[in-house]
Protein backbone atom coordinates (compact mmCIF):
# COMPACT_ATOMS: atom_id res chain seq x y z
CA UNK A 1 74.15 92.96 85.93
CA UNK A 2 71.99 95.91 84.96
CA UNK A 3 69.29 93.67 86.66
CA UNK A 4 71.00 93.19 89.77
CA UNK A 5 71.84 97.22 90.15
CA UNK A 6 68.44 98.06 89.41
CA UNK A 7 67.09 95.74 92.17
CA UNK A 8 69.77 96.74 94.90
CA UNK A 9 69.12 100.51 93.96
CA UNK A 10 65.10 99.67 94.28
CA UNK A 11 65.42 98.27 97.77
CA UNK A 12 67.74 100.87 99.14
CA UNK A 13 65.73 103.86 97.97
CA UNK A 14 62.19 102.71 97.46
CA UNK A 15 61.02 104.73 100.25
CA UNK A 16 62.97 107.69 99.29
CA UNK A 17 62.43 108.19 95.71
CA UNK A 18 59.12 109.34 94.91
CA UNK A 19 59.15 109.96 91.20
CA UNK A 20 61.32 110.04 87.86
CA UNK A 21 61.53 112.83 86.11
CA UNK A 22 61.00 112.66 82.20
CA UNK A 23 64.23 114.53 82.01
CA UNK A 24 66.17 111.93 83.45
CA UNK A 25 68.15 109.38 81.28
CA UNK A 26 66.51 105.74 80.70
CA UNK A 27 68.87 103.94 82.35
CA UNK A 28 68.72 106.03 85.81
CA UNK A 29 68.26 103.80 88.13
CA UNK A 30 68.63 106.07 91.72
CA UNK A 31 66.93 109.22 91.67
CA UNK A 32 66.74 111.88 94.61
CA UNK A 33 64.72 115.02 93.73
CA UNK A 34 66.73 116.43 90.39
CA UNK A 35 69.68 113.93 90.90
CA UNK A 36 69.97 110.32 89.76
CA UNK A 37 72.69 108.06 89.14
CA UNK A 38 72.71 105.67 86.02
CA UNK A 39 73.98 101.81 85.29
CA UNK A 40 77.17 103.31 84.57
CA UNK A 41 77.77 105.39 87.35
CA UNK A 42 77.26 102.45 89.79
CA UNK A 43 79.20 100.10 87.46
CA UNK A 44 82.37 102.65 87.86
CA UNK A 45 82.32 101.81 91.40
CA UNK A 46 83.42 98.48 91.10
CA UNK A 47 86.98 96.79 90.83
CA UNK A 48 87.73 94.54 88.08
CA UNK A 49 87.40 91.49 89.99
CA UNK A 50 84.64 91.16 92.19
CA UNK A 51 81.69 89.12 93.87
CA UNK A 52 78.22 89.37 93.95
CA UNK A 53 78.69 89.91 97.41
CA UNK A 54 81.38 92.35 96.97
CA UNK A 55 79.17 94.57 94.43
CA UNK A 56 76.33 94.30 96.84
CA UNK A 57 78.08 95.50 100.09
CA UNK A 58 80.02 98.38 97.52
CA UNK A 59 77.04 99.61 95.75
CA UNK A 60 74.27 99.77 98.58
CA UNK A 61 76.86 101.42 100.89
CA UNK A 62 77.63 104.05 97.95
CA UNK A 63 74.09 104.57 97.16
CA UNK A 64 73.09 105.13 100.94
CA UNK A 65 75.73 107.80 101.30
CA UNK A 66 75.04 109.58 97.74
CA UNK A 67 71.40 109.48 98.64
CA UNK A 68 72.00 110.67 102.18
CA UNK A 69 74.25 113.80 101.13
CA UNK A 70 71.48 114.76 98.33
CA UNK A 71 68.75 114.77 100.82
CA UNK A 72 70.56 116.86 103.23
CA UNK A 73 71.59 119.24 100.43
CA UNK A 74 67.74 119.85 99.53
CA UNK A 75 66.72 119.93 102.75
CA UNK A 76 69.59 122.78 103.47
CA UNK A 77 68.36 124.35 100.46
CA UNK A 78 64.98 124.94 102.13
CA UNK A 79 65.63 125.51 105.51
CA UNK A 80 68.68 127.89 105.43
CA UNK A 81 68.04 131.24 104.80
CA UNK A 82 68.80 133.08 101.52
CA UNK A 83 71.62 135.35 102.88
CA UNK A 84 73.45 132.20 104.25
CA UNK A 85 73.14 130.36 101.26
CA UNK A 86 74.54 133.25 99.71
CA UNK A 87 77.60 133.34 102.21
CA UNK A 88 78.14 129.73 101.72
CA UNK A 89 77.83 129.62 97.81
CA UNK A 90 80.91 132.35 98.00
CA UNK A 91 82.98 130.35 100.20
CA UNK A 92 82.47 127.42 97.91
CA UNK A 93 83.56 129.41 94.97
CA UNK A 94 86.58 130.91 96.94
CA UNK A 95 87.54 127.07 97.71
CA UNK A 96 87.35 126.32 94.30
CA UNK A 97 89.55 129.21 92.98
CA UNK A 98 92.19 127.97 95.63
CA UNK A 99 91.72 124.10 94.69
CA UNK A 100 92.58 125.20 90.95
CA UNK A 101 95.11 127.39 91.66
CA UNK A 102 97.01 125.54 94.25
CA UNK A 103 96.85 122.55 91.72
CA UNK A 104 98.15 124.73 88.88
CA UNK A 105 101.28 126.21 91.26
CA UNK A 106 101.96 122.32 92.24
CA UNK A 107 102.27 121.13 88.73
CA UNK A 108 104.59 124.10 87.73
CA UNK A 109 106.68 123.40 91.03
CA UNK A 110 106.77 119.89 90.06
CA UNK A 111 108.24 120.66 86.66
CA UNK A 112 110.44 123.31 86.89
CA UNK A 113 111.79 123.71 90.22
CA UNK A 114 115.31 122.84 90.89
CA UNK A 115 115.36 120.37 93.64
CA UNK A 116 119.07 120.29 94.16
CA UNK A 117 120.32 121.56 97.57
CA UNK A 118 123.92 121.85 97.45
CA UNK A 119 125.94 121.06 100.13
CA UNK A 120 127.87 124.28 100.89
CA UNK A 121 123.95 125.85 100.88
CA UNK A 122 123.54 123.47 103.90
CA UNK A 123 126.63 124.37 105.73
CA UNK A 124 126.20 128.12 105.11
CA UNK A 125 122.74 127.75 106.52
CA UNK A 126 123.85 125.92 109.66
CA UNK A 127 126.36 127.96 110.33
CA UNK A 128 124.11 131.10 110.25
CA UNK A 129 121.68 129.46 112.33
CA UNK A 130 123.31 127.12 114.55
CA UNK A 131 122.25 128.34 117.75
CA UNK A 132 118.55 127.44 116.21
CA UNK A 133 119.66 123.72 116.71
CA UNK A 134 119.32 122.94 120.06
CA UNK A 135 118.82 118.84 120.65
CA UNK A 136 115.42 118.25 122.47
CA UNK A 137 116.87 114.76 123.31
CA UNK A 138 119.94 112.80 123.82
CA UNK A 139 121.77 111.66 120.79
CA UNK A 140 124.56 108.71 120.54
CA UNK A 141 127.13 107.66 118.20
CA UNK A 142 127.69 103.84 118.89
CA UNK A 143 127.82 100.48 117.85
CA UNK A 144 126.86 97.21 119.25
CA UNK A 145 126.65 93.30 118.38
CA UNK A 146 123.68 90.86 120.17
CA UNK A 147 124.95 87.48 120.30
CA UNK A 148 123.04 84.59 121.82
CA UNK A 149 124.56 83.17 125.16
CA UNK A 150 125.45 79.86 123.32
CA UNK A 151 127.43 81.32 120.52
CA UNK A 152 130.27 79.39 119.53
CA UNK A 153 133.29 81.62 119.79
CA UNK A 154 132.09 85.09 121.85
CA UNK A 155 135.63 85.94 122.57
CA UNK A 156 136.85 86.08 119.03
CA UNK A 157 133.96 88.64 118.38
CA UNK A 158 134.74 90.27 120.79
CA UNK A 159 138.33 90.89 120.07
CA UNK A 160 137.21 92.02 116.44
CA UNK A 161 134.69 94.60 118.20
CA UNK A 162 137.13 96.07 120.33
CA UNK A 163 139.80 96.54 117.62
CA UNK A 164 136.92 98.35 115.66
CA UNK A 165 139.27 98.84 112.33
CA UNK A 166 137.55 98.90 109.08
CA UNK A 167 138.69 95.33 108.24
CA UNK A 168 137.94 94.14 111.61
CA UNK A 169 134.31 95.36 111.33
CA UNK A 170 133.93 94.10 107.64
CA UNK A 171 134.89 90.88 109.20
CA UNK A 172 132.06 91.06 111.97
CA UNK A 173 129.54 92.06 109.35
CA UNK A 174 130.40 89.01 107.17
CA UNK A 175 129.56 86.85 110.51
CA UNK A 176 126.22 88.65 111.05
CA UNK A 177 123.91 86.20 110.15
CA UNK A 178 124.77 84.31 113.21
CA UNK A 179 124.04 87.09 115.66
CA UNK A 180 120.73 88.10 117.00
CA UNK A 181 121.26 91.52 116.29
CA UNK A 182 123.68 94.27 115.13
CA UNK A 183 124.44 98.01 114.19
CA UNK A 184 128.27 98.73 113.10
CA UNK A 185 127.63 102.14 111.54
CA UNK A 186 129.25 104.48 115.09
CA UNK A 187 129.49 107.45 112.45
CA UNK A 188 126.00 108.38 112.76
CA UNK A 189 123.89 109.88 115.35
CA UNK A 190 120.98 108.27 116.86
CA UNK A 191 118.41 109.01 119.38
CA UNK A 192 119.35 107.45 122.67
CA UNK A 193 116.22 105.50 122.97
CA UNK A 194 117.53 103.24 120.07
CA UNK A 195 119.85 102.07 122.53
CA UNK A 196 117.14 100.85 125.08
CA UNK A 197 115.48 99.45 122.28
CA UNK A 198 118.26 97.66 120.84
CA UNK A 199 120.45 96.72 124.33
CA UNK A 200 117.84 95.72 126.62
CA UNK A 201 120.79 95.67 129.13
CA UNK A 202 121.23 98.72 129.01
CA UNK A 203 117.96 100.98 130.64
CA UNK A 204 117.09 104.35 131.66
CA UNK A 205 117.29 103.25 135.15
CA UNK A 206 121.34 102.57 134.30
CA UNK A 207 122.06 104.41 131.72
CA UNK A 208 124.20 107.31 133.59
CA UNK A 209 126.70 103.92 134.23
CA UNK A 210 126.87 103.11 130.78
CA UNK A 211 125.96 105.76 128.42
CA UNK A 212 129.19 107.72 128.40
CA UNK A 213 132.07 109.22 125.64
CA UNK A 214 134.71 106.41 124.41
CA UNK A 215 133.06 103.53 126.57
CA UNK A 216 132.96 99.75 125.95
CA UNK A 217 131.07 97.43 127.38
CA UNK A 218 130.53 93.62 127.21
CA UNK A 219 127.10 92.85 128.94
CA UNK A 220 124.98 90.11 129.63
CA UNK A 221 121.33 89.50 130.55
CA UNK A 222 118.74 86.79 130.01
CA UNK A 223 118.25 87.66 126.33
CA UNK A 224 122.03 87.58 125.03
CA UNK A 225 125.44 88.72 125.22
CA UNK A 226 126.15 92.38 124.14
CA UNK A 227 128.94 94.20 122.96
CA UNK A 228 128.53 98.21 123.04
CA UNK A 229 131.04 100.76 122.14
CA UNK A 230 130.05 104.39 122.44
CA UNK A 231 131.57 107.22 120.89
CA UNK A 232 130.21 110.13 121.73
CA UNK A 233 127.11 111.47 123.31
CA UNK A 234 125.18 114.39 123.15
CA UNK A 235 122.69 116.19 125.74
CA UNK A 236 119.41 117.66 125.51
CA UNK A 237 120.46 121.16 125.21
CA UNK A 238 123.57 120.61 123.27
CA UNK A 239 124.04 122.20 119.73
CA UNK A 240 122.91 119.77 117.12
CA UNK A 241 125.41 118.32 114.82
CA UNK A 242 125.18 119.24 111.19
CA UNK A 243 124.90 115.55 110.13
CA UNK A 244 121.69 114.98 112.16
CA UNK A 245 120.02 118.09 111.41
CA UNK A 246 120.88 118.26 107.44
CA UNK A 247 117.54 116.79 106.34
CA UNK A 248 115.91 119.30 108.20
CA UNK A 249 117.89 121.98 106.80
CA UNK A 250 117.64 120.62 103.17
CA UNK A 251 113.72 120.67 103.61
CA UNK A 252 113.74 124.63 104.95
CA UNK A 253 115.81 125.45 101.85
CA UNK A 254 113.63 123.73 99.60
CA UNK A 255 110.44 125.41 101.25
CA UNK A 256 111.96 128.62 100.81
CA UNK A 257 113.16 128.10 97.00
CA UNK A 258 109.54 127.02 96.34
CA UNK A 259 108.01 129.99 98.21
CA UNK A 260 110.15 132.46 96.10
CA UNK A 261 109.40 130.89 93.06
CA UNK A 262 105.67 130.87 93.44
CA UNK A 263 106.01 134.67 94.30
CA UNK A 264 108.04 134.85 91.02
CA UNK A 265 105.20 132.92 89.40
CA UNK A 266 102.54 134.80 90.55
CA UNK A 267 104.35 138.45 89.63
CA UNK A 268 105.13 137.45 86.59
CA UNK A 269 101.28 136.30 85.72
CA UNK A 270 100.03 139.48 86.71
CA UNK A 271 102.34 141.32 84.88
CA UNK A 272 101.79 139.56 81.51
CA UNK A 273 98.09 140.01 81.88
CA UNK A 274 98.43 143.78 82.54
CA UNK A 275 100.92 143.78 79.47
CA UNK A 276 98.35 142.14 77.33
CA UNK A 277 95.42 143.97 79.05
CA UNK A 278 93.70 140.81 79.94
CA UNK A 279 93.87 142.49 83.40
CA UNK A 280 92.74 146.10 83.46
CA UNK A 281 91.32 148.22 86.33
CA UNK A 282 88.63 150.43 85.10
CA UNK A 283 88.55 153.80 86.77
């Protein structure tokens, strides 16, 4: 296996690598200036089960990218001014601190933050900011059943559908394996485009005729027979219902809680450092 890696590396970099330094490990198989890859580095790239063809593709691609990055870095060090290099190094160091700090804060947040947002908090936020929750699209509460035009007992399903009681809808659901499609939970709000996607007999061209509060329709087209019941319709610009924006409010409150937690974490960290004299400002 080691011979295979050496051979691949040799073919790819024979024109790029001009020398091996004595300080490099004995098993270094790819060298670009002072940088090198060992057999172990290359072996770690490969998945548990692979073919010779897989290994060739994976290793050659990685080595080419690795070599290109290091050659670009070496040329950059030679051709970019020292002042610009210092600026870049400062940015790199700043980014390094930010990465570590962010990872640390995320880990502490994951371990310690209470993510349970109570319903009363969501309702209070909704009531206080209701004017901010305006719909940017139409919503509907509806149910429907799509039947094949040759379905054996359309009228029986239709009677149950129009009845609309809990027992009637349960009965319909028990028959649903024979339906082309259905949706019976008319207590939730959905986007109007769901109607167009599910009920092909209703389109943007004729929606004003059908999509209305408290309306039932039995429609047919070449695809099937549709039983449709609209409970309520909300239009763009109307106040959004709480149930529809609840997930958004929950995320807003959770983000606020995270920010407060991180602010307290940073303040406590600074206070503790001052108290223990780890952080001092010398006059």
